[in-house]
């Protein structure tokens, strides 16, 4: 098992909950995001302790060998996922991400399909998730340019434990008062279409990406997402949250501990979102990011909730 130190982002809508509630340590005044498992050029996680102490995640995989990622990762040209904690103290911009084909042709990186797990939220918190009805491209463009986009967005109330799957092309925004665990493709391409009239750090309005958004956005309401049943194991329950070609994600709720046999097909990453415990005597706590190499068994003791991510063959 490896512990990871995240890369931090201080976007203007961020708050303090990653610091106060999830034990994150940073010199940044605002903590909007912590990139818990990342080898993206815009911010890499770093190994804490042991043989690989101080190495970035990509340096670790280069030194240890790609086999630590598992055979299921061989189908990807680069490491497939990026895992974040996000603290939205204010509304995020309304935005959309491209699919793989568009991103490769126009941005030189992967598309960005993602999923959200609501870790915590204030009463009355909402997200924007697609449109509330089917609209035309002309109507979408008019709504952007006349600042009436919120009239056609699908606004969804949220509660702890809710899950949303957001394919490339789905318009979306995280509302204020929400902490989210986000599992996404390894990409940082975002097309912003509405930003509530805010100014950036330079005192100017943050740029919009209207033409690209018009090219990639799906103009229909989102499909209903399935709710999966819990599976009960000795000492914990597991609930499938999402499974797609890029990642599989489960919620693990441990009353005594978690034991999972390692597989050569995939690494496993656990983001601890509540509680604490130990792994072979090494303690972990809320906010910790744990990486298990392919073939490595997971044997954790304690009472905790974790978001587990791996790659399915």
C-alpha atoms as a PDB file:
ATOM      1  CA  UNK A   1       0.000   0.000   0.000  1.00  0.00           C
ATOM      2  CA  UNK A   2       1.149   3.512  -0.828  1.00  0.00           C
ATOM      3  CA  UNK A   3      -0.142   6.740   0.650  1.00  0.00           C
ATOM      4  CA  UNK A   4      -0.427   9.667  -1.743  1.00  0.00           C
ATOM      5  CA  UNK A   5      -0.163  13.410  -1.204  1.00  0.00           C
ATOM      6  CA  UNK A   6      -2.481  15.290  -3.574  1.00  0.00           C
ATOM      7  CA  UNK A   7      -1.870  18.254  -5.827  1.00  0.00           C
ATOM      8  CA  UNK A   8      -3.988  21.236  -4.750  1.00  0.00           C
ATOM      9  CA  UNK A   9      -5.934  23.835  -6.752  1.00  0.00           C
ATOM     10  CA  UNK A  10      -7.101  27.249  -5.484  1.00  0.00           C
ATOM     11  CA  UNK A  11      -9.889  28.084  -7.943  1.00  0.00           C
ATOM     12  CA  UNK A  12     -11.975  31.110  -6.938  1.00  0.00           C
ATOM     13  CA  UNK A  13     -15.079  29.093  -5.977  1.00  0.00           C
ATOM     14  CA  UNK A  14     -13.248  26.876  -3.456  1.00  0.00           C
ATOM     15  CA  UNK A  15     -13.511  26.895   0.336  1.00  0.00           C
ATOM     16  CA  UNK A  16     -11.910  25.475   3.475  1.00  0.00           C
ATOM     17  CA  UNK A  17     -13.616  22.107   4.003  1.00  0.00           C
ATOM     18  CA  UNK A  18     -10.776  20.094   2.457  1.00  0.00           C
ATOM     19  CA  UNK A  19      -8.568  21.589   5.147  1.00  0.00           C
ATOM     20  CA  UNK A  20     -10.975  21.505   8.105  1.00  0.00           C
ATOM     21  CA  UNK A  21     -12.923  18.303   7.350  1.00  0.00           C
ATOM     22  CA  UNK A  22     -10.464  16.167   5.355  1.00  0.00           C
ATOM     23  CA  UNK A  23      -7.125  17.031   6.981  1.00  0.00           C
ATOM     24  CA  UNK A  24      -5.542  18.540   3.880  1.00  0.00           C
ATOM     25  CA  UNK A  25      -2.425  20.650   4.453  1.00  0.00           C
ATOM     26  CA  UNK A  26      -1.499  23.389   2.000  1.00  0.00           C
ATOM     27  CA  UNK A  27      -0.142  26.936   1.929  1.00  0.00           C
ATOM     28  CA  UNK A  28      -2.901  27.946  -0.510  1.00  0.00           C
ATOM     29  CA  UNK A  29      -5.494  30.306   0.959  1.00  0.00           C
ATOM     30  CA  UNK A  30      -8.392  28.558  -0.784  1.00  0.00           C
ATOM     31  CA  UNK A  31      -8.561  24.801  -1.352  1.00  0.00           C
ATOM     32  CA  UNK A  32     -10.951  24.117  -4.207  1.00  0.00           C
ATOM     33  CA  UNK A  33      -9.666  20.701  -5.311  1.00  0.00           C
ATOM     34  CA  UNK A  34      -7.239  18.030  -4.170  1.00  0.00           C
ATOM     35  CA  UNK A  35      -6.063  15.725  -6.970  1.00  0.00           C
ATOM     36  CA  UNK A  36      -5.792  12.512  -4.976  1.00  0.00           C
ATOM     37  CA  UNK A  37      -4.625  10.132  -7.707  1.00  0.00           C
ATOM     38  CA  UNK A  38      -3.101  11.989 -10.614  1.00  0.00           C
ATOM     39  CA  UNK A  39      -0.287  11.806 -13.096  1.00  0.00           C
ATOM     40  CA  UNK A  40      -1.659  14.692 -15.161  1.00  0.00           C
ATOM     41  CA  UNK A  41       0.816  17.376 -16.215  1.00  0.00           C
ATOM     42  CA  UNK A  42      -1.279  20.035 -14.458  1.00  0.00           C
ATOM     43  CA  UNK A  43      -0.781  18.412 -11.059  1.00  0.00           C
ATOM     44  CA  UNK A  44       0.598  15.069  -9.891  1.00  0.00           C
ATOM     45  CA  UNK A  45       0.065  13.241  -6.638  1.00  0.00           C
ATOM     46  CA  UNK A  46       3.233  12.314  -4.739  1.00  0.00           C
ATOM     47  CA  UNK A  47       4.170   9.160  -2.803  1.00  0.00           C
ATOM     48  CA  UNK A  48       4.469   9.584   0.986  1.00  0.00           C
ATOM     49  CA  UNK A  49       6.924   7.314   2.807  1.00  0.00           C
ATOM     50  CA  UNK A  50       8.578   4.009   1.990  1.00  0.00           C
ATOM     51  CA  UNK A  51      10.818   3.063  -0.904  1.00  0.00           C
ATOM     52  CA  UNK A  52       9.239   5.553  -3.307  1.00  0.00           C
ATOM     53  CA  UNK A  53       8.922   8.510  -0.932  1.00  0.00           C
ATOM     54  CA  UNK A  54       8.838  11.854  -2.734  1.00  0.00           C
ATOM     55  CA  UNK A  55       8.296  10.456  -6.221  1.00  0.00           C
ATOM     56  CA  UNK A  56       5.443  11.717  -8.336  1.00  0.00           C
ATOM     57  CA  UNK A  57       2.942   9.048  -9.288  1.00  0.00           C
ATOM     58  CA  UNK A  58       4.283   8.843 -12.848  1.00  0.00           C
ATOM     59  CA  UNK A  59       7.874   8.563 -11.542  1.00  0.00           C
ATOM     60  CA  UNK A  60       6.720   5.726  -9.296  1.00  0.00           C
ATOM     61  CA  UNK A  61       5.109   3.788 -12.159  1.00  0.00           C
ATOM     62  CA  UNK A  62       8.198   4.336 -14.324  1.00  0.00           C
ATOM     63  CA  UNK A  63      10.487   2.983 -11.607  1.00  0.00           C
ATOM     64  CA  UNK A  64       8.262   0.162 -10.317  1.00  0.00           C
ATOM     65  CA  UNK A  65       7.080  -0.853 -13.787  1.00  0.00           C
ATOM     66  CA  UNK A  66       3.732  -0.554 -15.525  1.00  0.00           C
ATOM     67  CA  UNK A  67       2.711  -3.948 -14.168  1.00  0.00           C
ATOM     68  CA  UNK A  68       1.717  -2.182 -10.909  1.00  0.00           C
ATOM     69  CA  UNK A  69      -1.231  -0.730 -12.831  1.00  0.00           C
ATOM     70  CA  UNK A  70      -2.508  -4.108 -14.020  1.00  0.00           C
ATOM     71  CA  UNK A  71      -3.219  -5.713 -17.352  1.00  0.00           C
ATOM     72  CA  UNK A  72      -6.544  -3.883 -17.747  1.00  0.00           C
ATOM     73  CA  UNK A  73      -4.591  -0.620 -18.076  1.00  0.00           C
ATOM     74  CA  UNK A  74      -2.641  -1.904 -21.073  1.00  0.00           C
ATOM     75  CA  UNK A  75      -5.496  -0.894 -23.394  1.00  0.00           C
ATOM     76  CA  UNK A  76      -4.896   2.756 -22.479  1.00  0.00           C
ATOM     77  CA  UNK A  77      -2.102   4.793 -23.988  1.00  0.00           C
ATOM     78  CA  UNK A  78      -1.739   6.707 -20.700  1.00  0.00           C
ATOM     79  CA  UNK A  79      -2.933   6.232 -17.136  1.00  0.00           C
ATOM     80  CA  UNK A  80      -6.726   6.399 -17.500  1.00  0.00           C
ATOM     81  CA  UNK A  81      -8.094   8.148 -14.406  1.00  0.00           C
ATOM     82  CA  UNK A  82      -7.820  11.254 -12.257  1.00  0.00           C
ATOM     83  CA  UNK A  83      -9.456  11.237  -8.806  1.00  0.00           C
ATOM     84  CA  UNK A  84     -10.355  14.425  -6.935  1.00  0.00           C
ATOM     85  CA  UNK A  85     -12.012  15.843  -3.871  1.00  0.00           C
ATOM     86  CA  UNK A  86     -13.855  19.086  -4.687  1.00  0.00           C
ATOM     87  CA  UNK A  87     -15.107  21.695  -2.208  1.00  0.00           C
ATOM     88  CA  UNK A  88     -17.582  24.050  -3.873  1.00  0.00           C
ATOM     89  CA  UNK A  89     -18.045  26.953  -1.459  1.00  0.00           C
ATOM     90  CA  UNK A  90     -19.583  28.825  -4.399  1.00  0.00           C
ATOM     91  CA  UNK A  91     -21.168  27.733  -7.673  1.00  0.00           C
ATOM     92  CA  UNK A  92     -18.803  26.329 -10.265  1.00  0.00           C
ATOM     93  CA  UNK A  93     -19.132  27.639 -13.792  1.00  0.00           C
ATOM     94  CA  UNK A  94     -21.617  25.925 -16.097  1.00  0.00           C
ATOM     95  CA  UNK A  95     -19.439  23.811 -18.350  1.00  0.00           C
ATOM     96  CA  UNK A  96     -19.099  20.832 -20.634  1.00  0.00           C
ATOM     97  CA  UNK A  97     -16.276  18.445 -21.523  1.00  0.00           C
ATOM     98  CA  UNK A  98     -15.556  16.903 -24.924  1.00  0.00           C
ATOM     99  CA  UNK A  99     -15.582  13.217 -25.808  1.00  0.00           C
ATOM    100  CA  UNK A 100     -12.406  11.342 -26.761  1.00  0.00           C
ATOM    101  CA  UNK A 101     -12.559  11.958 -30.497  1.00  0.00           C
ATOM    102  CA  UNK A 102     -13.132  15.701 -30.247  1.00  0.00           C
ATOM    103  CA  UNK A 103     -10.523  16.114 -27.500  1.00  0.00           C
ATOM    104  CA  UNK A 104      -7.859  14.205 -29.421  1.00  0.00           C
ATOM    105  CA  UNK A 105      -8.476  16.229 -32.571  1.00  0.00           C
ATOM    106  CA  UNK A 106      -8.717  19.634 -30.902  1.00  0.00           C
ATOM    107  CA  UNK A 107      -6.945  19.519 -27.539  1.00  0.00           C
ATOM    108  CA  UNK A 108      -4.303  16.815 -27.842  1.00  0.00           C
ATOM    109  CA  UNK A 109      -5.549  14.883 -24.812  1.00  0.00           C
ATOM    110  CA  UNK A 110      -8.332  12.545 -23.732  1.00  0.00           C
ATOM    111  CA  UNK A 111     -11.978  13.452 -23.437  1.00  0.00           C
ATOM    112  CA  UNK A 112     -13.511  13.782 -20.000  1.00  0.00           C
ATOM    113  CA  UNK A 113     -16.223  11.443 -18.835  1.00  0.00           C
ATOM    114  CA  UNK A 114     -16.619  11.648 -15.067  1.00  0.00           C
ATOM    115  CA  UNK A 115     -18.761  10.591 -12.136  1.00  0.00           C
ATOM    116  CA  UNK A 116     -19.679  12.465  -8.979  1.00  0.00           C
ATOM    117  CA  UNK A 117     -20.300  11.070  -5.518  1.00  0.00           C
ATOM    118  CA  UNK A 118     -21.840  13.570  -3.100  1.00  0.00           C
ATOM    119  CA  UNK A 119     -19.644  13.306  -0.004  1.00  0.00           C
ATOM    120  CA  UNK A 120     -21.397  16.086   1.879  1.00  0.00           C
ATOM    121  CA  UNK A 121     -23.732  18.977   1.155  1.00  0.00           C
ATOM    122  CA  UNK A 122     -25.629  21.792   2.775  1.00  0.00           C
ATOM    123  CA  UNK A 123     -29.407  21.696   2.976  1.00  0.00           C
ATOM    124  CA  UNK A 124     -30.967  22.843  -0.300  1.00  0.00           C
ATOM    125  CA  UNK A 125     -27.801  22.274  -2.353  1.00  0.00           C
ATOM    126  CA  UNK A 126     -28.265  21.556  -6.056  1.00  0.00           C
ATOM    127  CA  UNK A 127     -26.326  20.681  -9.182  1.00  0.00           C
ATOM    128  CA  UNK A 128     -26.983  21.421 -12.842  1.00  0.00           C
ATOM    129  CA  UNK A 129     -27.150  18.212 -14.866  1.00  0.00           C
ATOM    130  CA  UNK A 130     -27.996  18.532 -18.556  1.00  0.00           C
ATOM    131  CA  UNK A 131     -31.083  20.316 -19.879  1.00  0.00           C
ATOM    132  CA  UNK A 132     -34.651  20.282 -18.564  1.00  0.00           C
ATOM    133  CA  UNK A 133     -35.933  19.653 -22.098  1.00  0.00           C
ATOM    134  CA  UNK A 134     -34.582  19.072 -25.588  1.00  0.00           C
ATOM    135  CA  UNK A 135     -33.364  22.271 -27.220  1.00  0.00           C
ATOM    136  CA  UNK A 136     -31.806  23.242 -30.535  1.00  0.00           C
ATOM    137  CA  UNK A 137     -28.241  24.384 -31.056  1.00  0.00           C
ATOM    138  CA  UNK A 138     -29.572  27.834 -31.991  1.00  0.00           C
ATOM    139  CA  UNK A 139     -31.562  28.035 -28.746  1.00  0.00           C
ATOM    140  CA  UNK A 140     -28.543  26.864 -26.729  1.00  0.00           C
ATOM    141  CA  UNK A 141     -26.355  29.561 -28.275  1.00  0.00           C
ATOM    142  CA  UNK A 142     -28.979  32.241 -27.664  1.00  0.00           C
ATOM    143  CA  UNK A 143     -29.316  31.180 -24.005  1.00  0.00           C
ATOM    144  CA  UNK A 144     -25.540  31.477 -23.559  1.00  0.00           C
ATOM    145  CA  UNK A 145     -25.261  34.888 -25.207  1.00  0.00           C
ATOM    146  CA  UNK A 146     -28.312  36.361 -23.412  1.00  0.00           C
ATOM    147  CA  UNK A 147     -27.356  34.965 -19.976  1.00  0.00           C
ATOM    148  CA  UNK A 148     -30.567  32.917 -19.764  1.00  0.00           C
ATOM    149  CA  UNK A 149     -28.899  29.514 -19.707  1.00  0.00           C
ATOM    150  CA  UNK A 150     -30.098  28.759 -16.189  1.00  0.00           C
ATOM    151  CA  UNK A 151     -33.692  28.790 -17.519  1.00  0.00           C
ATOM    152  CA  UNK A 152     -33.085  25.622 -19.562  1.00  0.00           C
ATOM    153  CA  UNK A 153     -30.719  23.752 -17.232  1.00  0.00           C
ATOM    154  CA  UNK A 154     -31.862  20.655 -15.347  1.00  0.00           C
ATOM    155  CA  UNK A 155     -31.454  21.622 -11.669  1.00  0.00           C
ATOM    156  CA  UNK A 156     -31.284  18.636  -9.305  1.00  0.00           C
ATOM    157  CA  UNK A 157     -31.435  18.718  -5.465  1.00  0.00           C
ATOM    158  CA  UNK A 158     -28.715  16.523  -3.925  1.00  0.00           C
ATOM    159  CA  UNK A 159     -28.075  14.633  -0.702  1.00  0.00           C
ATOM    160  CA  UNK A 160     -25.131  12.706   0.726  1.00  0.00           C
ATOM    161  CA  UNK A 161     -24.430   9.496  -1.171  1.00  0.00           C
ATOM    162  CA  UNK A 162     -26.027  10.584  -4.464  1.00  0.00           C
ATOM    163  CA  UNK A 163     -24.221   9.569  -7.659  1.00  0.00           C
ATOM    164  CA  UNK A 164     -24.167  11.234 -11.078  1.00  0.00           C
ATOM    165  CA  UNK A 165     -22.529   9.876 -14.237  1.00  0.00           C
ATOM    166  CA  UNK A 166     -21.509  12.668 -16.600  1.00  0.00           C
ATOM    167  CA  UNK A 167     -20.384  11.610 -20.039  1.00  0.00           C
ATOM    168  CA  UNK A 168     -18.452  13.951 -22.273  1.00  0.00           C
ATOM    169  CA  UNK A 169     -21.000  16.303 -23.833  1.00  0.00           C
ATOM    170  CA  UNK A 170     -23.330  16.657 -20.818  1.00  0.00           C
ATOM    171  CA  UNK A 171     -23.725  20.225 -19.575  1.00  0.00           C
ATOM    172  CA  UNK A 172     -23.154  20.414 -15.812  1.00  0.00           C
ATOM    173  CA  UNK A 173     -22.228  22.500 -12.783  1.00  0.00           C
ATOM    174  CA  UNK A 174     -21.628  21.836  -9.095  1.00  0.00           C
ATOM    175  CA  UNK A 175     -23.665  24.147  -6.883  1.00  0.00           C
ATOM    176  CA  UNK A 176     -22.366  25.861  -3.768  1.00  0.00           C
ATOM    177  CA  UNK A 177     -22.261  24.008  -0.480  1.00  0.00           C
ATOM    178  CA  UNK A 178     -21.261  20.626  -1.893  1.00  0.00           C
ATOM    179  CA  UNK A 179     -18.212  18.384  -1.400  1.00  0.00           C
ATOM    180  CA  UNK A 180     -17.768  15.861  -4.181  1.00  0.00           C
ATOM    181  CA  UNK A 181     -15.502  12.904  -4.892  1.00  0.00           C
ATOM    182  CA  UNK A 182     -14.932  13.023  -8.635  1.00  0.00           C
ATOM    183  CA  UNK A 183     -13.561  10.103 -10.633  1.00  0.00           C
ATOM    184  CA  UNK A 184     -12.817  11.116 -14.197  1.00  0.00           C
ATOM    185  CA  UNK A 185     -10.782  10.412 -17.263  1.00  0.00           C
ATOM    186  CA  UNK A 186      -7.234  11.708 -17.095  1.00  0.00           C
ATOM    187  CA  UNK A 187      -8.020  15.053 -18.716  1.00  0.00           C
ATOM    188  CA  UNK A 188      -8.249  18.707 -17.750  1.00  0.00           C
ATOM    189  CA  UNK A 189     -10.158  20.058 -20.760  1.00  0.00           C
ATOM    190  CA  UNK A 190     -13.183  22.163 -19.815  1.00  0.00           C
ATOM    191  CA  UNK A 191     -15.390  24.423 -21.932  1.00  0.00           C
ATOM    192  CA  UNK A 192     -17.008  27.125 -19.790  1.00  0.00           C
ATOM    193  CA  UNK A 193     -20.293  28.660 -21.028  1.00  0.00           C
ATOM    194  CA  UNK A 194     -21.629  30.603 -18.022  1.00  0.00           C
ATOM    195  CA  UNK A 195     -19.844  31.964 -14.952  1.00  0.00           C
ATOM    196  CA  UNK A 196     -22.378  34.093 -13.038  1.00  0.00           C
ATOM    197  CA  UNK A 197     -20.602  37.299 -14.092  1.00  0.00           C
ATOM    198  CA  UNK A 198     -17.576  36.615 -11.886  1.00  0.00           C
ATOM    199  CA  UNK A 199     -14.159  38.131 -12.348  1.00  0.00           C
ATOM    200  CA  UNK A 200     -10.952  36.121 -12.312  1.00  0.00           C
ATOM    201  CA  UNK A 201      -7.843  36.841 -10.235  1.00  0.00           C
ATOM    202  CA  UNK A 202      -6.742  39.338 -12.898  1.00  0.00           C
ATOM    203  CA  UNK A 203      -9.923  41.386 -12.449  1.00  0.00           C
ATOM    204  CA  UNK A 204     -11.351  40.395 -15.828  1.00  0.00           C
ATOM    205  CA  UNK A 205     -14.252  38.059 -16.627  1.00  0.00           C
ATOM    206  CA  UNK A 206     -13.087  34.482 -16.936  1.00  0.00           C
ATOM    207  CA  UNK A 207     -13.050  33.384 -20.599  1.00  0.00           C
ATOM    208  CA  UNK A 208     -15.915  31.403 -22.112  1.00  0.00           C
ATOM    209  CA  UNK A 209     -15.517  28.691 -24.733  1.00  0.00           C
ATOM    210  CA  UNK A 210     -18.793  29.058 -26.582  1.00  0.00           C
ATOM    211  CA  UNK A 211     -17.906  27.776 -30.051  1.00  0.00           C
ATOM    212  CA  UNK A 212     -16.310  24.573 -28.769  1.00  0.00           C
ATOM    213  CA  UNK A 213     -19.168  24.000 -26.343  1.00  0.00           C
ATOM    214  CA  UNK A 214     -21.655  24.311 -29.205  1.00  0.00           C
ATOM    215  CA  UNK A 215     -19.724  21.608 -31.056  1.00  0.00           C
ATOM    216  CA  UNK A 216     -19.760  19.017 -28.259  1.00  0.00           C
ATOM    217  CA  UNK A 217     -22.831  19.564 -26.050  1.00  0.00           C
ATOM    218  CA  UNK A 218     -25.685  17.049 -26.049  1.00  0.00           C
ATOM    219  CA  UNK A 219     -28.922  19.032 -26.299  1.00  0.00           C
ATOM    220  CA  UNK A 220     -31.251  16.564 -24.588  1.00  0.00           C
ATOM    221  CA  UNK A 221     -32.100  15.815 -20.947  1.00  0.00           C
ATOM    222  CA  UNK A 222     -29.768  13.265 -19.304  1.00  0.00           C
ATOM    223  CA  UNK A 223     -30.800   9.636 -19.081  1.00  0.00           C
ATOM    224  CA  UNK A 224     -31.867   8.280 -15.710  1.00  0.00           C
ATOM    225  CA  UNK A 225     -28.894   6.725 -13.920  1.00  0.00           C
ATOM    226  CA  UNK A 226     -29.310   3.275 -12.325  1.00  0.00           C
ATOM    227  CA  UNK A 227     -29.175   2.790  -8.564  1.00  0.00           C
ATOM    228  CA  UNK A 228     -27.267  -0.347  -7.596  1.00  0.00           C
ATOM    229  CA  UNK A 229     -27.975  -2.540  -4.585  1.00  0.00           C
ATOM    230  CA  UNK A 230     -25.479  -3.118  -1.781  1.00  0.00           C
ATOM    231  CA  UNK A 231     -23.529  -6.359  -1.523  1.00  0.00           C
ATOM    232  CA  UNK A 232     -22.808  -7.567   2.025  1.00  0.00           C
ATOM    233  CA  UNK A 233     -19.437  -9.076   2.896  1.00  0.00           C
ATOM    234  CA  UNK A 234     -17.799 -10.007   6.178  1.00  0.00           C
ATOM    235  CA  UNK A 235     -17.117  -6.722   7.937  1.00  0.00           C
ATOM    236  CA  UNK A 236     -18.287  -4.337   5.186  1.00  0.00           C
ATOM    237  CA  UNK A 237     -20.820  -3.579   2.472  1.00  0.00           C
ATOM    238  CA  UNK A 238     -20.057  -2.587  -1.113  1.00  0.00           C
ATOM    239  CA  UNK A 239     -22.248  -0.582  -3.469  1.00  0.00           C
ATOM    240  CA  UNK A 240     -21.423  -0.238  -7.152  1.00  0.00           C
ATOM    241  CA  UNK A 241     -21.527   3.434  -8.084  1.00  0.00           C
ATOM    242  CA  UNK A 242     -20.378   3.417 -11.688  1.00  0.00           C
ATOM    243  CA  UNK A 243     -18.875   1.093 -14.262  1.00  0.00           C
ATOM    244  CA  UNK A 244     -17.803   2.208 -17.722  1.00  0.00           C
ATOM    245  CA  UNK A 245     -14.944   1.633 -20.118  1.00  0.00           C
ATOM    246  CA  UNK A 246     -12.727   4.074 -18.240  1.00  0.00           C
ATOM    247  CA  UNK A 247     -13.255   3.171 -14.556  1.00  0.00           C
ATOM    248  CA  UNK A 248     -15.298   1.181 -12.062  1.00  0.00           C
ATOM    249  CA  UNK A 249     -16.175   2.778  -8.726  1.00  0.00           C
ATOM    250  CA  UNK A 250     -17.645   1.325  -5.537  1.00  0.00           C
ATOM    251  CA  UNK A 251     -18.594   2.685  -2.130  1.00  0.00           C
ATOM    252  CA  UNK A 252     -17.201   0.566   0.720  1.00  0.00           C
ATOM    253  CA  UNK A 253     -18.716   0.973   4.195  1.00  0.00           C
ATOM    254  CA  UNK A 254     -16.679  -0.926   6.793  1.00  0.00           C
ATOM    255  CA  UNK A 255     -17.964  -1.784  10.259  1.00  0.00           C
ATOM    256  CA  UNK A 256     -14.953  -4.001  11.051  1.00  0.00           C
ATOM    257  CA  UNK A 257     -12.657  -3.834   8.027  1.00  0.00           C
ATOM    258  CA  UNK A 258     -12.216  -4.646   4.348  1.00  0.00           C
ATOM    259  CA  UNK A 259     -10.452  -7.628   2.772  1.00  0.00           C
ATOM    260  CA  UNK A 260     -10.122  -7.868  -1.020  1.00  0.00           C
ATOM    261  CA  UNK A 261      -7.884 -10.290  -2.872  1.00  0.00           C
ATOM    262  CA  UNK A 262      -5.497  -8.605  -5.240  1.00  0.00           C
ATOM    263  CA  UNK A 263      -5.775  -9.113  -8.983  1.00  0.00           C
ATOM    264  CA  UNK A 264      -3.113  -8.795 -11.638  1.00  0.00           C
ATOM    265  CA  UNK A 265      -5.701  -7.120 -13.851  1.00  0.00           C
ATOM    266  CA  UNK A 266      -5.929  -3.825 -11.963  1.00  0.00           C
ATOM    267  CA  UNK A 267      -4.638  -1.480  -9.298  1.00  0.00           C
ATOM    268  CA  UNK A 268      -7.120  -0.320  -6.648  1.00  0.00           C
ATOM    269  CA  UNK A 269      -7.383   3.154  -5.143  1.00  0.00           C
ATOM    270  CA  UNK A 270      -9.227   3.925  -1.916  1.00  0.00           C
ATOM    271  CA  UNK A 271     -10.205   7.462  -0.982  1.00  0.00           C
ATOM    272  CA  UNK A 272     -11.193   7.533   2.698  1.00  0.00           C
ATOM    273  CA  UNK A 273     -14.162   9.892   3.061  1.00  0.00           C
ATOM    274  CA  UNK A 274     -15.110   9.079   6.649  1.00  0.00           C
ATOM    275  CA  UNK A 275     -13.770   7.208   9.683  1.00  0.00           C
ATOM    276  CA  UNK A 276     -10.336   5.687  10.210  1.00  0.00           C
ATOM    277  CA  UNK A 277      -8.459   2.421  10.581  1.00  0.00           C
ATOM    278  CA  UNK A 278      -5.148   0.731   9.898  1.00  0.00           C
ATOM    279  CA  UNK A 279      -3.478  -1.367   7.241  1.00  0.00           C
ATOM    280  CA  UNK A 280      -1.002  -3.851   8.724  1.00  0.00           C
ATOM    281  CA  UNK A 281      -0.520  -1.496  11.656  1.00  0.00           C
ATOM    282  CA  UNK A 282      -0.169   1.659   9.555  1.00  0.00           C
ATOM    283  CA  UNK A 283      -2.959   4.118  10.423  1.00  0.00           C
ATOM    284  CA  UNK A 284      -5.142   5.928   7.928  1.00  0.00           C
ATOM    285  CA  UNK A 285      -7.887   8.511   8.445  1.00  0.00           C
ATOM    286  CA  UNK A 286     -10.527  10.580   6.730  1.00  0.00           C
ATOM    287  CA  UNK A 287      -9.079  12.284   3.666  1.00  0.00           C
ATOM    288  CA  UNK A 288      -6.302   9.744   3.061  1.00  0.00           C
ATOM    289  CA  UNK A 289      -5.548   8.474  -0.436  1.00  0.00           C
ATOM    290  CA  UNK A 290      -4.392   4.833  -0.608  1.00  0.00           C
ATOM    291  CA  UNK A 291      -2.993   3.093  -3.689  1.00  0.00           C
ATOM    292  CA  UNK A 292      -2.746  -0.690  -3.983  1.00  0.00           C
ATOM    293  CA  UNK A 293      -0.704  -2.090  -6.859  1.00  0.00           C
ATOM    294  CA  UNK A 294      -2.094  -4.804  -9.103  1.00  0.00           C
ATOM    295  CA  UNK A 295      -1.825  -8.190  -7.369  1.00  0.00           C
ATOM    296  CA  UNK A 296      -1.639  -6.626  -3.894  1.00  0.00           C
ATOM    297  CA  UNK A 297      -4.192  -7.808  -1.334  1.00  0.00           C
ATOM    298  CA  UNK A 298      -6.213  -5.235   0.603  1.00  0.00           C
ATOM    299  CA  UNK A 299      -6.508  -5.924   4.337  1.00  0.00           C
ATOM    300  CA  UNK A 300      -7.822  -2.969   6.304  1.00  0.00           C
ATOM    301  CA  UNK A 301      -9.205  -2.823   9.825  1.00  0.00           C
ATOM    302  CA  UNK A 302     -11.497  -0.148  11.237  1.00  0.00           C
ATOM    303  CA  UNK A 303     -14.777   1.668  10.785  1.00  0.00           C
ATOM    304  CA  UNK A 304     -14.674   3.841   7.696  1.00  0.00           C
ATOM    305  CA  UNK A 305     -16.231   4.693   4.352  1.00  0.00           C
ATOM    306  CA  UNK A 306     -14.103   4.638   1.221  1.00  0.00           C
ATOM    307  CA  UNK A 307     -14.546   5.242  -2.486  1.00  0.00           C
ATOM    308  CA  UNK A 308     -12.763   2.445  -4.353  1.00  0.00           C
ATOM    309  CA  UNK A 309     -11.682   2.884  -7.960  1.00  0.00           C
ATOM    310  CA  UNK A 310     -10.271   0.253 -10.307  1.00  0.00           C
ATOM    311  CA  UNK A 311     -10.233  -0.708 -13.989  1.00  0.00           C
ATOM    312  CA  UNK A 312     -12.434  -3.523 -15.283  1.00  0.00           C
ATOM    313  CA  UNK A 313     -11.240  -5.746 -18.096  1.00  0.00           C
END
